[in-house]
Amino acid sequence: MRMIGLLGGMSWQSTAEYYRILNELVRERLGGLHSARLVLHSVDFAEIEVLQAEGRWDEAGAVLAAAARSLEAAGADFVVLCTNTMHKVAEPIQDAIGIPLLHLGDATADAVKGAGIRTVGLLGTRFTMAEEFYRGRMAQHGLTVLVPGDEDQRIVNDVIYQELCLGVVRPESREAYRRIIQRLIDDGAEGVILGCTEIELLVGPDDSAVPLFPTTRLHCESAVTTAFGPAAANRR
């Protein structure tokens, strides 16, 4: 089993989910007391959030690139960036290291296509929903991506940053997300990407009439497959 490098802390609640799911998946494969071989670099999300809000993406990319280099130095064979939004700076992170960055968007797109879906809704932070870096990655895989309207984007984003990143799960927020998901379905979405790791703390399959694609689990499944396969063995 190759060493997984987790670049997390954005937020720590979602990174804890990555840790749990990765270890459960390895145990399912090997049984007994087996767990994942991994190293974790967890950043201070408060510092990253300021850079996000101020549009200082180059600086945020530099911080995460340095963290990725520390994972490589610690023996990681590949890096898993435990956040959807910060895949906006995936390229500078990959450029800074000599091991692969396992892109969350690719793992998600593969799952969507595998389900026979071509038009998919997207929930996430306002950066993920409104900007091109994520939707464009999906388009490269031949997918059409629908996002909520402006007011629904505000609701989705506020719940993430003001509640879920703080570990707060409110039934009324779940109901709001259900209504937003239904509007995406009404607009033609055949499935919905939960494009923020924290959203999986709030909604699940019972909250949608179409398939949901939980990016945390999909990313973890891809990471475990890579850890057990030959792909991660070859450094760039």
Foldseek 3Di string as FASTA:
>chain_A
DAEEEEEEPLPVVLVVVLQVLLQVVQCVVVNDPDGHHYDYDHDHNVVVVVCVVVVVLVVSLVVSLVVLVVRVVVRHLEYEYRWLLNCVSVVSNCVSDQFYYQDLLVLLLVVCVVVVFAEEEEFDACSCQPDCSNQVSSVVSRHHYDYFDPVLNVLRNCCVPVALSVVHEDPVSLVSVLVRQVVSVVVPHQEYEHRTSSCVVHDDPVSHPHHYRRSSNSSSVVVSVVRPDDPSVDTD
